[in-house]
Amino acid sequence: MAYQGGYGQPPPGGYQQPAGYAPPPGAFAPQNANVSPDVQRWFDVVDRDRSGKISATELKAALINGKGENFSDNACKLMISMFDTDASGTIDVQEFEKLFNYINQWLQVFKTYDRDQSGHIEEQELSQAFAQMGFRFSPEFITFLIRKSDLQNHKQISVDQFIVLCVQIQRFTEAFRVRDTQQNGTITIGFEDFLSVAIGCSI
């Protein structure tokens, strides 16, 4: 999935198939009346083993960020886990539809700040994105976030890194708010509680 186009229409637009790939007759699952035809077509392309389920590995093989690279393992595992209601490590077509819509929503947010359509956003753009979401992070913290996300250049983040970062910050924010009983932006936290939050929000 090239990030510029979102999911949009099925191949040749984004999801990649192996060269010469041709599914055998009857390989695709029957159309599910509860999901849109576009979602079903995307699901059939991503579900390479025709199991009726999509794994993080299959998702990674299908998703391409704006840098022309596959989404990271971390991003794909995170997104699968968010919609894997039965904790099977895979998602069915109904769960995939929710993921499909979720990714497209994040793509639209990302493209809002990737004004030059470069496929990545830099410090100022990331700061603007978080400010729009209601976060007032210092320049130093924004630099830290980018350095943790972009391990090679420490200057920019791609859409898959952006999604992971936003999900993690949202999780930590929710955990913080539960403990911020005075609503003053500070908390006192025990060591084990801190570890439970750090480990739980990072998975």
N, C-alpha and C. Protein backbone atom coordinates (compact mmCIF):
# COMPACT_ATOMS: atom_id res chain seq x y z
N MET A 1 0.84 -1.18 0.00
CA MET A 1 0.00 0.00 0.00
C MET A 1 0.88 1.24 0.00
N ALA A 2 0.96 1.91 -1.11
CA ALA A 2 1.70 3.16 -1.13
C ALA A 2 0.93 4.18 -0.32
N TYR A 3 1.60 4.85 0.62
CA TYR A 3 0.86 5.67 1.57
C TYR A 3 0.12 6.80 0.88
N GLN A 4 0.68 7.29 -0.26
CA GLN A 4 0.04 8.44 -0.90
C GLN A 4 -1.38 8.11 -1.34
N GLY A 5 -1.63 6.86 -1.68
CA GLY A 5 -2.94 6.51 -2.22
C GLY A 5 -3.88 5.92 -1.20
N GLY A 6 -3.39 5.65 0.00
CA GLY A 6 -4.23 4.97 0.97
C GLY A 6 -4.54 3.57 0.48
N TYR A 7 -5.63 2.99 0.93
CA TYR A 7 -6.01 1.69 0.43
C TYR A 7 -6.61 1.83 -0.97
N GLY A 8 -7.59 2.79 -1.10
CA GLY A 8 -8.15 3.05 -2.42
C GLY A 8 -8.65 1.80 -3.10
N GLN A 9 -8.25 1.61 -4.36
CA GLN A 9 -8.66 0.46 -5.13
C GLN A 9 -7.60 -0.63 -5.03
N PRO A 10 -7.99 -1.88 -5.24
CA PRO A 10 -7.02 -2.97 -5.20
C PRO A 10 -5.99 -2.86 -6.30
N PRO A 11 -4.99 -3.76 -6.30
CA PRO A 11 -3.86 -3.69 -7.22
C PRO A 11 -4.31 -3.32 -8.63
N PRO A 12 -3.42 -2.61 -9.39
CA PRO A 12 -1.99 -2.43 -9.10
C PRO A 12 -1.65 -1.25 -8.22
N GLY A 13 -2.60 -0.65 -7.51
CA GLY A 13 -2.33 0.58 -6.79
C GLY A 13 -1.44 0.48 -5.60
N GLY A 14 -1.47 -0.62 -4.83
CA GLY A 14 -0.71 -0.54 -3.61
C GLY A 14 -0.27 -1.87 -3.06
N TYR A 15 -1.21 -2.73 -2.69
CA TYR A 15 -0.80 -4.02 -2.17
C TYR A 15 0.00 -4.75 -3.22
N GLN A 16 1.10 -5.36 -2.81
CA GLN A 16 1.98 -6.01 -3.77
C GLN A 16 1.74 -7.51 -3.82
N GLN A 17 1.73 -8.04 -5.04
CA GLN A 17 1.64 -9.48 -5.23
C GLN A 17 2.94 -9.97 -5.85
N PRO A 18 3.31 -11.21 -5.61
CA PRO A 18 4.52 -11.73 -6.24
C PRO A 18 4.40 -11.68 -7.76
N ALA A 19 5.53 -11.55 -8.44
CA ALA A 19 5.52 -11.52 -9.90
C ALA A 19 4.89 -12.80 -10.44
N GLY A 20 3.99 -12.64 -11.39
CA GLY A 20 3.34 -13.78 -12.00
C GLY A 20 2.28 -14.43 -11.15
N TYR A 21 1.92 -13.77 -10.05
CA TYR A 21 0.94 -14.35 -9.13
C TYR A 21 -0.42 -14.45 -9.80
N ALA A 22 -1.03 -15.62 -9.73
CA ALA A 22 -2.40 -15.81 -10.24
C ALA A 22 -3.09 -16.79 -9.32
N PRO A 23 -4.10 -16.34 -8.56
CA PRO A 23 -4.77 -17.24 -7.62
C PRO A 23 -5.50 -18.35 -8.35
N PRO A 24 -5.48 -19.56 -7.83
CA PRO A 24 -6.20 -20.66 -8.47
C PRO A 24 -7.70 -20.43 -8.41
N PRO A 25 -8.44 -21.02 -9.34
CA PRO A 25 -9.90 -20.84 -9.33
C PRO A 25 -10.49 -21.25 -8.00
N GLY A 26 -11.37 -20.41 -7.49
CA GLY A 26 -12.03 -20.72 -6.23
C GLY A 26 -11.20 -20.46 -5.00
N ALA A 27 -10.01 -19.85 -5.17
CA ALA A 27 -9.13 -19.66 -4.01
C ALA A 27 -9.66 -18.61 -3.06
N PHE A 28 -10.29 -17.57 -3.58
CA PHE A 28 -10.77 -16.51 -2.72
C PHE A 28 -12.01 -16.97 -1.95
N ALA A 29 -12.09 -16.50 -0.71
CA ALA A 29 -13.27 -16.82 0.10
C ALA A 29 -14.50 -16.14 -0.49
N PRO A 30 -15.69 -16.69 -0.26
CA PRO A 30 -16.91 -16.06 -0.77
C PRO A 30 -17.05 -14.64 -0.22
N GLN A 31 -17.67 -13.78 -0.99
CA GLN A 31 -17.91 -12.41 -0.55
C GLN A 31 -18.70 -12.39 0.74
N ASN A 32 -18.20 -11.66 1.73
CA ASN A 32 -18.89 -11.54 3.00
C ASN A 32 -19.84 -10.35 2.93
N ALA A 33 -21.10 -10.60 3.17
CA ALA A 33 -22.11 -9.55 3.01
C ALA A 33 -21.95 -8.44 4.03
N ASN A 34 -21.19 -8.69 5.10
CA ASN A 34 -21.06 -7.69 6.16
C ASN A 34 -19.92 -6.71 5.93
N VAL A 35 -19.13 -6.90 4.90
CA VAL A 35 -18.02 -5.99 4.61
C VAL A 35 -18.16 -5.47 3.19
N SER A 36 -17.53 -4.33 2.92
CA SER A 36 -17.64 -3.73 1.60
C SER A 36 -16.86 -4.54 0.58
N PRO A 37 -17.24 -4.45 -0.69
CA PRO A 37 -16.50 -5.19 -1.74
C PRO A 37 -15.03 -4.81 -1.80
N ASP A 38 -14.71 -3.53 -1.60
CA ASP A 38 -13.30 -3.10 -1.63
C ASP A 38 -12.50 -3.77 -0.53
N VAL A 39 -13.08 -3.80 0.68
CA VAL A 39 -12.39 -4.44 1.80
C VAL A 39 -12.19 -5.93 1.52
N GLN A 40 -13.23 -6.58 0.98
CA GLN A 40 -13.11 -8.01 0.68
C GLN A 40 -12.02 -8.27 -0.34
N ARG A 41 -11.93 -7.42 -1.37
CA ARG A 41 -10.89 -7.62 -2.39
C ARG A 41 -9.50 -7.44 -1.79
N TRP A 42 -9.34 -6.40 -0.94
CA TRP A 42 -8.05 -6.20 -0.29
C TRP A 42 -7.72 -7.40 0.60
N PHE A 43 -8.71 -7.88 1.33
CA PHE A 43 -8.48 -9.03 2.22
C PHE A 43 -8.01 -10.24 1.43
N ASP A 44 -8.64 -10.49 0.27
CA ASP A 44 -8.27 -11.64 -0.55
C ASP A 44 -6.84 -11.53 -1.05
N VAL A 45 -6.39 -10.32 -1.36
CA VAL A 45 -5.02 -10.12 -1.83
C VAL A 45 -4.02 -10.35 -0.71
N VAL A 46 -4.32 -9.83 0.48
CA VAL A 46 -3.38 -9.93 1.60
C VAL A 46 -3.32 -11.35 2.16
N ASP A 47 -4.44 -12.05 2.14
CA ASP A 47 -4.52 -13.41 2.68
C ASP A 47 -3.90 -14.40 1.69
N ARG A 48 -2.58 -14.40 1.64
CA ARG A 48 -1.87 -15.16 0.61
C ARG A 48 -2.00 -16.66 0.77
N ASP A 49 -2.14 -17.14 2.00
CA ASP A 49 -2.23 -18.58 2.19
C ASP A 49 -3.67 -19.08 2.14
N ARG A 50 -4.61 -18.17 1.85
CA ARG A 50 -6.03 -18.50 1.70
C ARG A 50 -6.60 -19.15 2.96
N SER A 51 -6.10 -18.73 4.11
CA SER A 51 -6.55 -19.32 5.37
C SER A 51 -7.82 -18.67 5.90
N GLY A 52 -8.17 -17.52 5.34
CA GLY A 52 -9.30 -16.76 5.87
C GLY A 52 -8.91 -15.89 7.04
N LYS A 53 -7.60 -15.87 7.32
CA LYS A 53 -7.06 -15.04 8.39
C LYS A 53 -5.82 -14.32 7.86
N ILE A 54 -5.52 -13.16 8.45
CA ILE A 54 -4.34 -12.40 8.05
C ILE A 54 -3.40 -12.28 9.25
N SER A 55 -2.15 -12.63 9.03
CA SER A 55 -1.13 -12.53 10.07
C SER A 55 -0.35 -11.24 9.92
N ALA A 56 0.48 -10.93 10.91
CA ALA A 56 1.32 -9.74 10.83
C ALA A 56 2.31 -9.86 9.67
N THR A 57 2.78 -11.07 9.40
CA THR A 57 3.71 -11.28 8.29
C THR A 57 3.05 -10.98 6.96
N GLU A 58 1.81 -11.44 6.77
CA GLU A 58 1.08 -11.17 5.53
C GLU A 58 0.79 -9.68 5.40
N LEU A 59 0.44 -9.04 6.52
CA LEU A 59 0.17 -7.61 6.49
C LEU A 59 1.42 -6.83 6.10
N LYS A 60 2.57 -7.22 6.66
CA LYS A 60 3.82 -6.53 6.34
C LYS A 60 4.15 -6.65 4.86
N ALA A 61 3.92 -7.82 4.27
CA ALA A 61 4.23 -8.03 2.86
C ALA A 61 3.38 -7.15 1.96
N ALA A 62 2.24 -6.67 2.49
CA ALA A 62 1.31 -5.90 1.67
C ALA A 62 1.42 -4.40 1.84
N LEU A 63 1.93 -3.94 2.98
CA LEU A 63 1.92 -2.51 3.28
C LEU A 63 3.27 -1.86 2.96
N ILE A 64 3.21 -0.79 2.17
CA ILE A 64 4.39 -0.04 1.79
C ILE A 64 4.24 1.40 2.27
N ASN A 65 5.25 1.92 2.95
CA ASN A 65 5.16 3.32 3.39
C ASN A 65 5.66 4.26 2.30
N GLY A 66 5.65 5.54 2.58
CA GLY A 66 6.00 6.54 1.58
C GLY A 66 7.46 6.53 1.18
N LYS A 67 8.28 5.77 1.92
CA LYS A 67 9.70 5.65 1.56
C LYS A 67 9.96 4.47 0.63
N GLY A 68 8.88 3.77 0.28
CA GLY A 68 9.04 2.59 -0.57
C GLY A 68 9.46 1.36 0.20
N GLU A 69 9.33 1.39 1.52
CA GLU A 69 9.72 0.27 2.37
C GLU A 69 8.49 -0.38 2.97
N ASN A 70 8.59 -1.67 3.26
CA ASN A 70 7.50 -2.34 3.98
C ASN A 70 7.35 -1.75 5.37
N PHE A 71 6.12 -1.76 5.88
CA PHE A 71 5.90 -1.36 7.26
C PHE A 71 6.77 -2.23 8.17
N SER A 72 7.13 -1.69 9.31
CA SER A 72 7.99 -2.43 10.25
C SER A 72 7.23 -3.59 10.89
N ASP A 73 8.00 -4.57 11.38
CA ASP A 73 7.39 -5.68 12.13
C ASP A 73 6.60 -5.14 13.31
N ASN A 74 7.18 -4.17 14.01
CA ASN A 74 6.54 -3.61 15.19
C ASN A 74 5.19 -3.01 14.85
N ALA A 75 5.12 -2.24 13.75
CA ALA A 75 3.87 -1.60 13.36
C ALA A 75 2.81 -2.64 13.00
N CYS A 76 3.20 -3.66 12.25
CA CYS A 76 2.23 -4.66 11.81
C CYS A 76 1.72 -5.50 12.98
N LYS A 77 2.62 -5.89 13.88
CA LYS A 77 2.20 -6.65 15.05
C LYS A 77 1.28 -5.82 15.94
N LEU A 78 1.60 -4.54 16.09
CA LEU A 78 0.78 -3.66 16.90
C LEU A 78 -0.61 -3.53 16.32
N MET A 79 -0.71 -3.31 15.01
CA MET A 79 -2.01 -3.11 14.38
C MET A 79 -2.84 -4.38 14.39
N ILE A 80 -2.20 -5.53 14.17
CA ILE A 80 -2.93 -6.80 14.27
C ILE A 80 -3.48 -6.97 15.68
N SER A 81 -2.65 -6.71 16.69
CA SER A 81 -3.06 -6.93 18.08
C SER A 81 -4.22 -6.02 18.49
N MET A 82 -4.29 -4.83 17.90
CA MET A 82 -5.35 -3.89 18.25
C MET A 82 -6.72 -4.37 17.80
N PHE A 83 -6.77 -5.20 16.77
CA PHE A 83 -8.06 -5.63 16.22
C PHE A 83 -8.26 -7.14 16.30
N ASP A 84 -7.34 -7.84 16.94
CA ASP A 84 -7.41 -9.28 17.12
C ASP A 84 -8.23 -9.60 18.37
N THR A 85 -9.53 -9.64 18.21
CA THR A 85 -10.43 -9.74 19.38
C THR A 85 -10.35 -11.09 20.08
N ASP A 86 -9.96 -12.14 19.37
CA ASP A 86 -9.90 -13.45 20.00
C ASP A 86 -8.47 -13.86 20.37
N ALA A 87 -7.52 -12.92 20.28
CA ALA A 87 -6.13 -13.16 20.66
C ALA A 87 -5.51 -14.35 19.94
N SER A 88 -5.86 -14.52 18.65
CA SER A 88 -5.34 -15.62 17.86
C SER A 88 -4.04 -15.27 17.15
N GLY A 89 -3.67 -13.98 17.17
CA GLY A 89 -2.50 -13.55 16.44
C GLY A 89 -2.78 -13.25 14.99
N THR A 90 -4.04 -13.38 14.59
CA THR A 90 -4.46 -13.09 13.22
C THR A 90 -5.78 -12.34 13.27
N ILE A 91 -6.19 -11.79 12.12
CA ILE A 91 -7.49 -11.12 12.05
C ILE A 91 -8.30 -11.68 10.89
N ASP A 92 -9.62 -11.77 11.11
CA ASP A 92 -10.50 -12.22 10.04
C ASP A 92 -10.96 -11.01 9.23
N VAL A 93 -11.87 -11.22 8.30
CA VAL A 93 -12.24 -10.15 7.39
C VAL A 93 -12.98 -9.02 8.10
N GLN A 94 -13.80 -9.35 9.11
CA GLN A 94 -14.49 -8.28 9.85
C GLN A 94 -13.49 -7.43 10.64
N GLU A 95 -12.53 -8.10 11.27
CA GLU A 95 -11.49 -7.36 12.00
C GLU A 95 -10.62 -6.57 11.04
N PHE A 96 -10.37 -7.15 9.86
CA PHE A 96 -9.57 -6.46 8.85
C PHE A 96 -10.26 -5.18 8.38
N GLU A 97 -11.58 -5.19 8.28
CA GLU A 97 -12.28 -3.99 7.85
C GLU A 97 -12.04 -2.85 8.83
N LYS A 98 -12.03 -3.16 10.12
CA LYS A 98 -11.75 -2.13 11.12
C LYS A 98 -10.33 -1.62 10.98
N LEU A 99 -9.38 -2.52 10.74
CA LEU A 99 -7.99 -2.13 10.53
C LEU A 99 -7.85 -1.30 9.26
N PHE A 100 -8.52 -1.70 8.22
CA PHE A 100 -8.54 -0.99 6.94
C PHE A 100 -8.94 0.47 7.15
N ASN A 101 -10.05 0.68 7.86
CA ASN A 101 -10.53 2.04 8.12
C ASN A 101 -9.57 2.80 9.03
N TYR A 102 -9.02 2.11 10.01
CA TYR A 102 -8.10 2.72 10.97
C TYR A 102 -6.86 3.24 10.26
N ILE A 103 -6.26 2.42 9.40
CA ILE A 103 -5.05 2.84 8.69
C ILE A 103 -5.35 4.03 7.78
N ASN A 104 -6.47 3.98 7.08
CA ASN A 104 -6.80 5.09 6.18
C ASN A 104 -7.01 6.40 6.94
N GLN A 105 -7.56 6.32 8.15
CA GLN A 105 -7.72 7.53 8.97
C GLN A 105 -6.35 8.11 9.33
N TRP A 106 -5.40 7.24 9.72
CA TRP A 106 -4.07 7.71 10.06
C TRP A 106 -3.33 8.24 8.84
N LEU A 107 -3.57 7.62 7.68
CA LEU A 107 -2.96 8.12 6.45
C LEU A 107 -3.39 9.55 6.16
N GLN A 108 -4.66 9.82 6.37
CA GLN A 108 -5.16 11.18 6.12
C GLN A 108 -4.52 12.18 7.08
N VAL A 109 -4.38 11.79 8.35
CA VAL A 109 -3.72 12.66 9.32
C VAL A 109 -2.28 12.90 8.90
N PHE A 110 -1.58 11.82 8.54
CA PHE A 110 -0.17 11.93 8.15
C PHE A 110 0.00 12.83 6.94
N LYS A 111 -0.84 12.65 5.94
CA LYS A 111 -0.73 13.44 4.71
C LYS A 111 -1.00 14.93 4.96
N THR A 112 -1.80 15.22 5.99
CA THR A 112 -2.06 16.62 6.34
C THR A 112 -0.77 17.35 6.69
N TYR A 113 0.16 16.64 7.33
CA TYR A 113 1.40 17.26 7.78
C TYR A 113 2.57 16.98 6.84
N ASP A 114 2.44 15.97 6.00
CA ASP A 114 3.45 15.71 4.98
C ASP A 114 3.09 16.53 3.74
N ARG A 115 3.23 17.83 3.88
CA ARG A 115 2.73 18.74 2.84
C ARG A 115 3.49 18.61 1.51
N ASP A 116 4.75 18.20 1.57
CA ASP A 116 5.51 18.06 0.33
C ASP A 116 5.41 16.65 -0.25
N GLN A 117 4.54 15.81 0.37
CA GLN A 117 4.32 14.44 -0.11
C GLN A 117 5.63 13.65 -0.25
N SER A 118 6.53 13.87 0.71
CA SER A 118 7.83 13.23 0.66
C SER A 118 7.79 11.79 1.19
N GLY A 119 6.72 11.46 1.89
CA GLY A 119 6.63 10.13 2.49
C GLY A 119 7.13 10.09 3.92
N HIS A 120 7.54 11.23 4.45
CA HIS A 120 7.97 11.30 5.84
C HIS A 120 7.68 12.71 6.38
N ILE A 121 7.69 12.83 7.71
CA ILE A 121 7.54 14.13 8.33
C ILE A 121 8.72 14.36 9.27
N GLU A 122 9.09 15.62 9.42
CA GLU A 122 10.24 15.99 10.22
C GLU A 122 9.80 16.66 11.51
N GLU A 123 10.74 17.19 12.27
CA GLU A 123 10.47 17.66 13.63
C GLU A 123 9.34 18.69 13.68
N GLN A 124 9.42 19.72 12.87
CA GLN A 124 8.41 20.77 12.94
C GLN A 124 7.03 20.23 12.58
N GLU A 125 6.98 19.37 11.56
CA GLU A 125 5.71 18.79 11.14
C GLU A 125 5.14 17.87 12.22
N LEU A 126 6.01 17.10 12.87
CA LEU A 126 5.56 16.22 13.93
C LEU A 126 5.05 17.03 15.12
N SER A 127 5.75 18.11 15.45
CA SER A 127 5.32 18.98 16.53
C SER A 127 3.94 19.57 16.24
N GLN A 128 3.72 19.98 15.00
CA GLN A 128 2.43 20.54 14.60
C GLN A 128 1.33 19.48 14.68
N ALA A 129 1.66 18.25 14.28
CA ALA A 129 0.68 17.16 14.35
C ALA A 129 0.24 16.91 15.78
N PHE A 130 1.20 16.82 16.71
CA PHE A 130 0.86 16.57 18.11
C PHE A 130 0.13 17.76 18.73
N ALA A 131 0.51 18.97 18.34
CA ALA A 131 -0.20 20.15 18.84
C ALA A 131 -1.66 20.11 18.41
N GLN A 132 -1.90 19.68 17.18
CA GLN A 132 -3.27 19.58 16.68
C GLN A 132 -4.06 18.54 17.48
N MET A 133 -3.36 17.52 17.98
CA MET A 133 -4.01 16.48 18.79
C MET A 133 -4.17 16.90 20.24
N GLY A 134 -3.64 18.06 20.61
CA GLY A 134 -3.79 18.55 21.97
C GLY A 134 -2.58 18.40 22.85
N PHE A 135 -1.45 17.93 22.29
CA PHE A 135 -0.23 17.76 23.05
C PHE A 135 0.70 18.95 22.81
N ARG A 136 1.29 19.48 23.88
CA ARG A 136 2.24 20.58 23.77
C ARG A 136 3.61 20.08 24.20
N PHE A 137 4.26 19.36 23.31
CA PHE A 137 5.55 18.78 23.62
C PHE A 137 6.67 19.77 23.33
N SER A 138 7.72 19.73 24.15
CA SER A 138 8.87 20.61 23.95
C SER A 138 9.64 20.17 22.70
N PRO A 139 10.41 21.07 22.10
CA PRO A 139 11.25 20.70 20.95
C PRO A 139 12.20 19.56 21.29
N GLU A 140 12.71 19.56 22.51
CA GLU A 140 13.63 18.50 22.92
C GLU A 140 12.95 17.13 22.93
N PHE A 141 11.69 17.12 23.38
CA PHE A 141 10.97 15.85 23.42
C PHE A 141 10.62 15.37 22.02
N ILE A 142 10.28 16.29 21.13
CA ILE A 142 10.00 15.92 19.74
C ILE A 142 11.26 15.31 19.11
N THR A 143 12.41 15.94 19.37
CA THR A 143 13.67 15.40 18.87
C THR A 143 13.92 13.99 19.39
N PHE A 144 13.63 13.79 20.67
CA PHE A 144 13.79 12.47 21.29
C PHE A 144 12.89 11.44 20.60
N LEU A 145 11.62 11.82 20.34
CA LEU A 145 10.68 10.88 19.70
C LEU A 145 11.17 10.48 18.31
N ILE A 146 11.68 11.43 17.56
CA ILE A 146 12.15 11.12 16.22
C ILE A 146 13.39 10.25 16.27
N ARG A 147 14.30 10.54 17.19
CA ARG A 147 15.51 9.72 17.32
C ARG A 147 15.17 8.29 17.71
N LYS A 148 14.16 8.10 18.54
CA LYS A 148 13.75 6.75 18.93
C LYS A 148 13.05 6.03 17.80
N SER A 149 12.38 6.78 16.92
CA SER A 149 11.63 6.18 15.81
C SER A 149 12.51 5.93 14.59
N ASP A 150 13.34 6.91 14.25
CA ASP A 150 14.20 6.83 13.07
C ASP A 150 15.61 6.51 13.51
N LEU A 151 15.91 5.22 13.59
CA LEU A 151 17.18 4.79 14.15
C LEU A 151 18.35 5.02 13.19
N GLN A 152 18.06 5.28 11.92
CA GLN A 152 19.13 5.46 10.94
C GLN A 152 19.57 6.92 10.82
N ASN A 153 18.60 7.80 10.54
CA ASN A 153 18.95 9.20 10.27
C ASN A 153 18.65 10.15 11.43
N HIS A 154 17.75 9.74 12.35
CA HIS A 154 17.36 10.57 13.49
C HIS A 154 16.76 11.91 13.07
N LYS A 155 16.13 11.96 11.89
CA LYS A 155 15.63 13.25 11.41
C LYS A 155 14.17 13.23 11.00
N GLN A 156 13.62 12.06 10.69
CA GLN A 156 12.28 12.02 10.13
C GLN A 156 11.61 10.69 10.44
N ILE A 157 10.28 10.65 10.32
CA ILE A 157 9.57 9.40 10.56
C ILE A 157 8.60 9.14 9.42
N SER A 158 8.43 7.86 9.10
CA SER A 158 7.51 7.43 8.06
C SER A 158 6.13 7.18 8.66
N VAL A 159 5.17 6.86 7.82
CA VAL A 159 3.79 6.74 8.29
C VAL A 159 3.63 5.58 9.28
N ASP A 160 4.33 4.46 9.06
CA ASP A 160 4.20 3.34 9.99
C ASP A 160 4.81 3.69 11.35
N GLN A 161 5.94 4.41 11.32
CA GLN A 161 6.53 4.87 12.59
C GLN A 161 5.61 5.87 13.28
N PHE A 162 4.95 6.71 12.51
CA PHE A 162 4.02 7.69 13.04
C PHE A 162 2.84 7.01 13.74
N ILE A 163 2.30 5.97 13.10
CA ILE A 163 1.17 5.25 13.70
C ILE A 163 1.58 4.62 15.03
N VAL A 164 2.73 3.95 15.06
CA VAL A 164 3.21 3.32 16.29
C VAL A 164 3.40 4.36 17.38
N LEU A 165 4.01 5.47 17.03
CA LEU A 165 4.29 6.53 18.00
C LEU A 165 2.99 7.09 18.58
N CYS A 166 2.02 7.35 17.73
CA CYS A 166 0.76 7.93 18.19
C CYS A 166 -0.01 6.95 19.08
N VAL A 167 0.00 5.67 18.72
CA VAL A 167 -0.69 4.66 19.53
C VAL A 167 -0.03 4.55 20.90
N GLN A 168 1.29 4.53 20.93
CA GLN A 168 1.99 4.42 22.21
C GLN A 168 1.73 5.64 23.09
N ILE A 169 1.78 6.82 22.51
CA ILE A 169 1.52 8.03 23.30
C ILE A 169 0.09 8.05 23.81
N GLN A 170 -0.84 7.60 22.98
CA GLN A 170 -2.23 7.55 23.42
C GLN A 170 -2.39 6.59 24.60
N ARG A 171 -1.74 5.44 24.53
CA ARG A 171 -1.83 4.46 25.61
C ARG A 171 -1.23 5.00 26.91
N PHE A 172 -0.06 5.61 26.82
CA PHE A 172 0.57 6.17 28.00
C PHE A 172 -0.27 7.32 28.57
N THR A 173 -0.86 8.12 27.68
CA THR A 173 -1.69 9.23 28.14
C THR A 173 -2.90 8.73 28.92
N GLU A 174 -3.54 7.69 28.40
CA GLU A 174 -4.70 7.12 29.10
C GLU A 174 -4.30 6.56 30.46
N ALA A 175 -3.15 5.87 30.52
CA ALA A 175 -2.68 5.33 31.79
C ALA A 175 -2.34 6.45 32.77
N PHE A 176 -1.77 7.53 32.27
CA PHE A 176 -1.41 8.67 33.11
C PHE A 176 -2.67 9.34 33.67
N ARG A 177 -3.67 9.52 32.83
CA ARG A 177 -4.89 10.20 33.26
C ARG A 177 -5.62 9.44 34.35
N VAL A 178 -5.57 8.12 34.28
CA VAL A 178 -6.20 7.30 35.32
C VAL A 178 -5.56 7.58 36.67
N ARG A 179 -4.26 7.83 36.68
CA ARG A 179 -3.51 8.04 37.92
C ARG A 179 -3.44 9.51 38.33
N ASP A 180 -3.76 10.41 37.41
CA ASP A 180 -3.72 11.85 37.70
C ASP A 180 -5.07 12.26 38.31
N THR A 181 -5.30 11.82 39.53
CA THR A 181 -6.60 12.03 40.17
C THR A 181 -6.90 13.50 40.44
N GLN A 182 -5.87 14.32 40.57
CA GLN A 182 -6.06 15.74 40.82
C GLN A 182 -6.16 16.55 39.52
N GLN A 183 -5.93 15.86 38.41
CA GLN A 183 -5.98 16.51 37.09
C GLN A 183 -5.07 17.74 37.02
N ASN A 184 -3.86 17.60 37.57
CA ASN A 184 -2.92 18.72 37.55
C ASN A 184 -1.66 18.43 36.73
N GLY A 185 -1.66 17.30 36.03
CA GLY A 185 -0.55 17.00 35.15
C GLY A 185 0.64 16.35 35.81
N THR A 186 0.49 15.94 37.09
CA THR A 186 1.58 15.24 37.79
C THR A 186 0.99 14.04 38.53
N ILE A 187 1.81 12.99 38.70
CA ILE A 187 1.37 11.82 39.43
C ILE A 187 2.51 11.31 40.31
N THR A 188 2.15 10.60 41.36
CA THR A 188 3.10 9.85 42.15
C THR A 188 2.84 8.38 41.87
N ILE A 189 3.89 7.65 41.49
CA ILE A 189 3.68 6.27 41.02
C ILE A 189 4.71 5.35 41.65
N GLY A 190 4.25 4.19 42.09
CA GLY A 190 5.15 3.17 42.64
C GLY A 190 5.94 2.50 41.54
N PHE A 191 7.02 1.86 41.94
CA PHE A 191 7.92 1.28 40.95
C PHE A 191 7.24 0.18 40.14
N GLU A 192 6.54 -0.74 40.82
CA GLU A 192 5.89 -1.83 40.09
C GLU A 192 4.77 -1.31 39.21
N ASP A 193 4.05 -0.30 39.69
CA ASP A 193 3.00 0.30 38.88
C ASP A 193 3.60 0.94 37.63
N PHE A 194 4.73 1.63 37.82
CA PHE A 194 5.44 2.24 36.69
C PHE A 194 5.84 1.18 35.68
N LEU A 195 6.40 0.06 36.16
CA LEU A 195 6.81 -1.01 35.25
C LEU A 195 5.62 -1.60 34.52
N SER A 196 4.50 -1.77 35.23
CA SER A 196 3.31 -2.34 34.59
C SER A 196 2.80 -1.43 33.48
N VAL A 197 2.85 -0.12 33.71
CA VAL A 197 2.42 0.83 32.68
C VAL A 197 3.38 0.80 31.51
N ALA A 198 4.68 0.85 31.79
CA ALA A 198 5.69 0.89 30.74
C ALA A 198 5.65 -0.36 29.87
N ILE A 199 5.54 -1.51 30.51
CA ILE A 199 5.52 -2.77 29.76
C ILE A 199 4.19 -2.95 29.03
N GLY A 200 3.09 -2.65 29.73
CA GLY A 200 1.77 -2.82 29.13
C GLY A 200 1.53 -1.90 27.95
N CYS A 201 2.00 -0.67 28.02
CA CYS A 201 1.75 0.30 26.95
C CYS A 201 2.70 0.13 25.78
N SER A 202 3.78 -0.58 25.99
CA SER A 202 4.77 -0.72 24.92
C SER A 202 4.53 -1.96 24.08
N ILE A 203 3.67 -2.84 24.52
CA ILE A 203 3.42 -4.08 23.78
C ILE A 203 2.35 -3.86 22.73
